[in-house]
């Protein structure tokens, strides 16, 4: 039986969890980039993140084995999280509004306050 508290197991859980957060933030940024109410400076920052990945100028140069690539794995998710945290609520809350209980757009009549008739 494997030890669930071993350093490798904890690192694996953190990495998988961070991957799902990264994927969610990537979709939020894609929708926010196309949204009209997203400020221009955030759209520019969204374009600079992939440019940082392909540019030869890095915090730690890519020709240094392991460390050159690892800084990209750390800096890019941090930049994406920072941009998502700066997005206006109008941009990020649009999906939550569409599925809110009080919003009847696209839904049937409310029955007993719990279910909906289709």
N, C-alpha and C. Protein backbone atom coordinates (compact mmCIF):
# COMPACT_ATOMS: atom_id res chain seq x y z
N UNK A 1 0.84 -1.18 0.00
CA UNK A 1 0.00 0.00 0.00
C UNK A 1 0.89 1.25 0.00
N UNK A 2 0.55 2.19 -0.86
CA UNK A 2 1.34 3.41 -0.97
C UNK A 2 0.96 4.38 0.15
N UNK A 3 1.92 5.16 0.54
CA UNK A 3 1.69 6.18 1.57
C UNK A 3 1.06 7.41 0.92
N UNK A 4 -0.18 7.79 1.28
CA UNK A 4 -0.82 8.95 0.64
C UNK A 4 -0.20 10.28 1.05
N UNK A 5 0.64 10.27 2.08
CA UNK A 5 1.24 11.51 2.55
C UNK A 5 2.71 11.63 2.15
N UNK A 6 3.15 10.79 1.25
CA UNK A 6 4.53 10.89 0.79
C UNK A 6 4.69 12.17 -0.04
N UNK A 7 5.90 12.70 -0.11
CA UNK A 7 6.10 13.94 -0.87
C UNK A 7 5.70 13.83 -2.34
N UNK A 8 5.94 12.68 -2.96
CA UNK A 8 5.56 12.52 -4.36
C UNK A 8 4.05 12.46 -4.54
N UNK A 9 3.34 11.83 -3.61
CA UNK A 9 1.88 11.79 -3.69
C UNK A 9 1.29 13.18 -3.50
N UNK A 10 1.83 13.94 -2.57
CA UNK A 10 1.34 15.30 -2.36
C UNK A 10 1.64 16.19 -3.56
N UNK A 11 2.81 16.02 -4.14
CA UNK A 11 3.16 16.79 -5.34
C UNK A 11 2.24 16.42 -6.50
N UNK A 12 1.93 15.14 -6.64
CA UNK A 12 1.02 14.71 -7.70
C UNK A 12 -0.37 15.30 -7.55
N UNK A 13 -0.89 15.30 -6.33
CA UNK A 13 -2.21 15.88 -6.10
C UNK A 13 -2.21 17.39 -6.35
N UNK A 14 -1.15 18.06 -5.94
CA UNK A 14 -1.05 19.49 -6.18
C UNK A 14 -0.96 19.78 -7.67
N UNK A 15 -0.16 19.01 -8.39
CA UNK A 15 0.03 19.23 -9.82
C UNK A 15 -1.26 19.00 -10.58
N UNK A 16 -1.98 17.94 -10.26
CA UNK A 16 -3.24 17.66 -10.95
C UNK A 16 -4.27 18.73 -10.63
N UNK A 17 -4.33 19.12 -9.37
CA UNK A 17 -5.27 20.18 -8.99
C UNK A 17 -4.94 21.49 -9.67
N UNK A 18 -3.67 21.83 -9.74
CA UNK A 18 -3.26 23.06 -10.40
C UNK A 18 -3.53 23.00 -11.89
N UNK A 19 -3.42 21.82 -12.49
CA UNK A 19 -3.73 21.68 -13.91
C UNK A 19 -5.20 22.00 -14.18
N UNK A 20 -6.09 21.52 -13.32
CA UNK A 20 -7.51 21.80 -13.52
C UNK A 20 -7.83 23.28 -13.31
N UNK A 21 -7.16 23.92 -12.36
CA UNK A 21 -7.33 25.36 -12.17
C UNK A 21 -6.80 26.11 -13.38
N UNK A 22 -5.65 25.68 -13.90
CA UNK A 22 -5.06 26.30 -15.09
C UNK A 22 -6.02 26.19 -16.27
N UNK A 23 -6.60 25.02 -16.45
CA UNK A 23 -7.53 24.81 -17.57
C UNK A 23 -8.76 25.70 -17.44
N UNK A 24 -9.28 25.83 -16.23
CA UNK A 24 -10.45 26.68 -15.99
C UNK A 24 -10.10 28.15 -16.25
N UNK A 25 -8.93 28.59 -15.77
CA UNK A 25 -8.52 29.97 -15.99
C UNK A 25 -8.27 30.25 -17.46
N UNK A 26 -7.77 29.27 -18.18
CA UNK A 26 -7.55 29.44 -19.61
C UNK A 26 -8.86 29.68 -20.33
N UNK A 27 -9.91 28.95 -19.97
CA UNK A 27 -11.21 29.16 -20.59
C UNK A 27 -11.81 30.51 -20.20
N UNK A 28 -11.62 30.91 -18.95
CA UNK A 28 -12.10 32.22 -18.52
C UNK A 28 -11.41 33.33 -19.30
N UNK A 29 -10.10 33.20 -19.49
CA UNK A 29 -9.36 34.22 -20.24
C UNK A 29 -9.77 34.24 -21.70
N UNK A 30 -10.05 33.10 -22.28
CA UNK A 30 -10.48 33.06 -23.68
C UNK A 30 -11.82 33.79 -23.84
N UNK A 31 -12.76 33.53 -22.94
CA UNK A 31 -14.06 34.21 -23.02
C UNK A 31 -13.92 35.69 -22.69
N UNK A 32 -13.05 36.02 -21.74
CA UNK A 32 -12.85 37.43 -21.38
C UNK A 32 -12.18 38.20 -22.49
N UNK A 33 -11.31 37.55 -23.25
CA UNK A 33 -10.64 38.24 -24.36
C UNK A 33 -11.64 38.65 -25.42
N UNK A 34 -12.65 37.83 -25.64
CA UNK A 34 -13.66 38.14 -26.64
C UNK A 34 -14.77 39.04 -26.11
N UNK A 35 -14.83 39.24 -24.80
CA UNK A 35 -15.88 40.04 -24.18
C UNK A 35 -15.59 41.52 -24.40
N UNK A 36 -16.63 42.29 -24.66
CA UNK A 36 -16.46 43.71 -24.98
C UNK A 36 -16.09 44.55 -23.76
N UNK A 37 -16.47 44.13 -22.57
CA UNK A 37 -16.23 44.93 -21.37
C UNK A 37 -14.87 44.68 -20.71
N UNK A 38 -14.06 43.82 -21.27
CA UNK A 38 -12.73 43.57 -20.72
C UNK A 38 -11.84 44.76 -21.07
N UNK A 39 -11.15 45.33 -20.09
CA UNK A 39 -10.28 46.48 -20.37
C UNK A 39 -9.15 46.12 -21.33
N UNK A 40 -8.70 47.13 -22.05
CA UNK A 40 -7.67 46.92 -23.07
C UNK A 40 -6.36 46.44 -22.45
N UNK A 41 -6.00 46.97 -21.29
CA UNK A 41 -4.72 46.58 -20.69
C UNK A 41 -4.72 45.11 -20.28
N UNK A 42 -5.87 44.56 -19.92
CA UNK A 42 -5.93 43.13 -19.59
C UNK A 42 -5.87 42.28 -20.86
N UNK A 43 -6.47 42.77 -21.94
CA UNK A 43 -6.35 42.05 -23.21
C UNK A 43 -4.90 42.04 -23.69
N UNK A 44 -4.21 43.15 -23.49
CA UNK A 44 -2.79 43.21 -23.87
C UNK A 44 -1.97 42.25 -23.00
N UNK A 45 -2.30 42.18 -21.71
CA UNK A 45 -1.58 41.26 -20.83
C UNK A 45 -1.84 39.81 -21.23
N UNK A 46 -3.07 39.53 -21.69
CA UNK A 46 -3.38 38.18 -22.16
C UNK A 46 -2.55 37.81 -23.38
N UNK A 47 -2.24 38.78 -24.21
CA UNK A 47 -1.40 38.51 -25.37
C UNK A 47 0.07 38.40 -25.01
N UNK A 48 0.48 39.07 -23.95
CA UNK A 48 1.89 39.03 -23.55
C UNK A 48 2.29 37.72 -22.89
N UNK A 49 1.34 36.99 -22.31
CA UNK A 49 1.67 35.72 -21.65
C UNK A 49 2.18 34.69 -22.66
N UNK A 50 1.47 34.43 -23.78
CA UNK A 50 2.05 33.48 -24.75
C UNK A 50 3.32 34.03 -25.40
N UNK A 51 3.41 35.35 -25.52
CA UNK A 51 4.63 35.93 -26.07
C UNK A 51 5.82 35.67 -25.15
N UNK A 52 5.58 35.67 -23.84
CA UNK A 52 6.65 35.35 -22.89
C UNK A 52 7.12 33.91 -23.07
N UNK A 53 6.18 33.01 -23.39
CA UNK A 53 6.56 31.61 -23.57
C UNK A 53 7.47 31.40 -24.77
N UNK A 54 7.22 32.10 -25.85
CA UNK A 54 8.00 31.86 -27.07
C UNK A 54 9.20 32.79 -27.18
N UNK A 55 9.27 33.81 -26.36
CA UNK A 55 10.39 34.75 -26.48
C UNK A 55 11.67 34.14 -25.90
N UNK A 56 12.80 34.52 -26.45
CA UNK A 56 14.07 34.00 -25.92
C UNK A 56 14.48 34.69 -24.61
N UNK A 57 13.80 35.77 -24.25
CA UNK A 57 14.13 36.50 -23.02
C UNK A 57 13.27 35.94 -21.90
N UNK A 58 13.91 35.33 -20.91
CA UNK A 58 13.22 34.73 -19.77
C UNK A 58 13.90 35.17 -18.49
N UNK A 59 13.25 34.87 -17.37
CA UNK A 59 13.88 35.11 -16.08
C UNK A 59 15.09 34.21 -15.94
N UNK A 60 14.91 32.93 -16.24
CA UNK A 60 16.01 31.96 -16.29
C UNK A 60 16.06 31.45 -17.73
N UNK A 61 17.16 31.62 -18.43
CA UNK A 61 17.23 31.22 -19.85
C UNK A 61 16.89 29.74 -20.05
N UNK A 62 16.29 29.44 -21.20
CA UNK A 62 15.83 28.07 -21.48
C UNK A 62 16.97 27.10 -21.74
N UNK A 63 18.16 27.57 -22.06
CA UNK A 63 19.24 26.62 -22.34
C UNK A 63 19.80 26.00 -21.07
N UNK A 64 19.44 26.51 -19.89
CA UNK A 64 19.85 25.87 -18.64
C UNK A 64 18.93 24.67 -18.42
N UNK A 65 19.47 23.47 -18.33
CA UNK A 65 18.61 22.29 -18.23
C UNK A 65 17.70 22.35 -17.00
N UNK A 66 16.48 21.93 -17.19
CA UNK A 66 15.44 21.81 -16.18
C UNK A 66 14.98 23.16 -15.62
N UNK A 67 15.87 24.01 -15.17
CA UNK A 67 15.46 25.28 -14.57
C UNK A 67 14.90 26.25 -15.60
N UNK A 68 15.40 26.20 -16.82
CA UNK A 68 14.92 27.10 -17.86
C UNK A 68 13.47 26.86 -18.23
N UNK A 69 13.07 25.61 -18.20
CA UNK A 69 11.67 25.29 -18.53
C UNK A 69 10.79 25.43 -17.30
N UNK A 70 11.33 25.13 -16.13
CA UNK A 70 10.53 25.19 -14.90
C UNK A 70 10.08 26.61 -14.58
N UNK A 71 10.85 27.62 -14.93
CA UNK A 71 10.39 28.97 -14.66
C UNK A 71 9.17 29.30 -15.51
N UNK A 72 9.08 28.73 -16.72
CA UNK A 72 7.88 28.93 -17.53
C UNK A 72 6.67 28.25 -16.90
N UNK A 73 6.87 27.08 -16.30
CA UNK A 73 5.77 26.38 -15.65
C UNK A 73 5.29 27.09 -14.38
N UNK A 74 6.10 27.97 -13.85
CA UNK A 74 5.71 28.72 -12.65
C UNK A 74 5.18 30.10 -13.01
N UNK A 75 5.86 30.80 -13.90
CA UNK A 75 5.51 32.18 -14.21
C UNK A 75 4.20 32.28 -14.98
N UNK A 76 3.98 31.43 -15.95
CA UNK A 76 2.78 31.53 -16.79
C UNK A 76 1.49 31.29 -15.98
N UNK A 77 1.38 30.25 -15.16
CA UNK A 77 0.16 30.13 -14.34
C UNK A 77 -0.02 31.28 -13.35
N UNK A 78 1.07 31.80 -12.81
CA UNK A 78 0.94 32.95 -11.91
C UNK A 78 0.43 34.18 -12.64
N UNK A 79 0.93 34.42 -13.84
CA UNK A 79 0.44 35.54 -14.64
C UNK A 79 -1.04 35.36 -15.00
N UNK A 80 -1.41 34.14 -15.36
CA UNK A 80 -2.81 33.90 -15.72
C UNK A 80 -3.72 34.10 -14.51
N UNK A 81 -3.32 33.63 -13.35
CA UNK A 81 -4.12 33.82 -12.14
C UNK A 81 -4.24 35.30 -11.80
N UNK A 82 -3.18 36.04 -12.00
CA UNK A 82 -3.21 37.47 -11.73
C UNK A 82 -4.17 38.18 -12.66
N UNK A 83 -4.15 37.83 -13.95
CA UNK A 83 -5.04 38.46 -14.91
C UNK A 83 -6.50 38.12 -14.60
N UNK A 84 -6.77 36.85 -14.26
CA UNK A 84 -8.15 36.45 -13.93
C UNK A 84 -8.63 37.19 -12.69
N UNK A 85 -7.75 37.41 -11.72
CA UNK A 85 -8.16 38.13 -10.52
C UNK A 85 -8.46 39.60 -10.79
N UNK A 86 -7.93 40.16 -11.86
CA UNK A 86 -8.15 41.56 -12.20
C UNK A 86 -9.34 41.77 -13.14
N UNK A 87 -9.94 40.71 -13.65
CA UNK A 87 -11.07 40.86 -14.57
C UNK A 87 -12.27 41.47 -13.86
N UNK A 88 -13.04 42.30 -14.56
CA UNK A 88 -14.25 42.86 -13.96
C UNK A 88 -15.28 41.77 -13.67
N UNK A 89 -16.11 42.00 -12.68
CA UNK A 89 -17.13 41.01 -12.32
C UNK A 89 -18.15 40.81 -13.43
N UNK A 90 -18.38 41.84 -14.24
CA UNK A 90 -19.32 41.68 -15.36
C UNK A 90 -18.87 40.61 -16.32
N UNK A 91 -17.57 40.47 -16.49
CA UNK A 91 -17.02 39.50 -17.43
C UNK A 91 -17.05 38.09 -16.85
N UNK A 92 -16.64 37.95 -15.60
CA UNK A 92 -16.53 36.61 -15.02
C UNK A 92 -17.85 36.09 -14.48
N UNK A 93 -18.79 36.95 -14.14
CA UNK A 93 -20.05 36.52 -13.53
C UNK A 93 -21.14 36.27 -14.56
N UNK A 94 -20.87 36.42 -15.83
CA UNK A 94 -21.90 36.28 -16.84
C UNK A 94 -22.45 34.86 -16.88
N UNK A 95 -21.61 33.86 -16.75
CA UNK A 95 -22.08 32.48 -16.77
C UNK A 95 -22.86 32.16 -15.50
N UNK A 96 -22.42 32.68 -14.36
CA UNK A 96 -23.14 32.45 -13.11
C UNK A 96 -24.53 33.08 -13.17
N UNK A 97 -24.65 34.24 -13.82
CA UNK A 97 -25.95 34.88 -13.94
C UNK A 97 -26.90 34.06 -14.81
N UNK A 98 -26.38 33.45 -15.85
CA UNK A 98 -27.23 32.67 -16.76
C UNK A 98 -27.82 31.46 -16.06
N UNK A 99 -27.14 30.93 -15.03
CA UNK A 99 -27.62 29.75 -14.34
C UNK A 99 -28.18 30.06 -12.96
N UNK A 100 -28.38 31.34 -12.65
CA UNK A 100 -28.90 31.73 -11.34
C UNK A 100 -30.35 31.28 -11.21
N UNK A 101 -30.79 30.94 -9.99
CA UNK A 101 -32.16 30.45 -9.81
C UNK A 101 -33.23 31.46 -10.19
N UNK A 102 -32.97 32.75 -10.02
CA UNK A 102 -33.98 33.76 -10.33
C UNK A 102 -34.07 34.09 -11.80
N UNK A 103 -33.13 33.70 -12.58
CA UNK A 103 -33.12 34.03 -14.00
C UNK A 103 -33.92 32.98 -14.76
N UNK A 104 -34.95 33.40 -15.44
CA UNK A 104 -35.82 32.44 -16.15
C UNK A 104 -35.54 32.37 -17.64
N UNK A 105 -34.51 33.01 -18.10
CA UNK A 105 -34.20 32.97 -19.52
C UNK A 105 -33.79 31.55 -19.92
N UNK A 106 -34.53 30.95 -20.79
CA UNK A 106 -34.19 29.63 -21.28
C UNK A 106 -34.72 28.50 -20.42
N UNK A 107 -35.46 28.80 -19.37
CA UNK A 107 -35.97 27.77 -18.49
C UNK A 107 -37.49 27.80 -18.49
N UNK A 108 -38.07 26.72 -18.04
CA UNK A 108 -39.52 26.62 -17.95
C UNK A 108 -40.05 27.24 -16.67
N UNK A 109 -41.30 26.94 -16.40
CA UNK A 109 -41.98 27.49 -15.24
C UNK A 109 -41.44 26.85 -13.95
N UNK A 110 -41.31 27.66 -12.87
CA UNK A 110 -40.81 27.16 -11.60
C UNK A 110 -41.94 26.43 -10.86
N UNK A 111 -41.62 25.24 -10.35
CA UNK A 111 -42.59 24.45 -9.60
C UNK A 111 -42.06 24.28 -8.19
N UNK A 112 -42.79 24.70 -7.18
CA UNK A 112 -42.43 24.54 -5.78
C UNK A 112 -41.09 25.16 -5.43
N UNK A 113 -40.57 26.06 -6.21
CA UNK A 113 -39.32 26.72 -5.92
C UNK A 113 -38.08 25.84 -6.08
N UNK A 114 -38.22 24.60 -6.46
CA UNK A 114 -37.08 23.70 -6.57
C UNK A 114 -36.84 23.25 -8.02
N UNK A 115 -37.82 22.63 -8.61
CA UNK A 115 -37.63 22.08 -9.96
C UNK A 115 -38.20 22.98 -11.02
N UNK A 116 -37.93 22.66 -12.26
CA UNK A 116 -38.45 23.43 -13.39
C UNK A 116 -39.10 22.48 -14.38
N UNK A 117 -40.20 22.92 -14.92
CA UNK A 117 -40.89 22.16 -15.96
C UNK A 117 -40.28 22.53 -17.29
N UNK A 118 -39.92 21.53 -18.06
CA UNK A 118 -39.30 21.79 -19.38
C UNK A 118 -40.32 21.91 -20.45
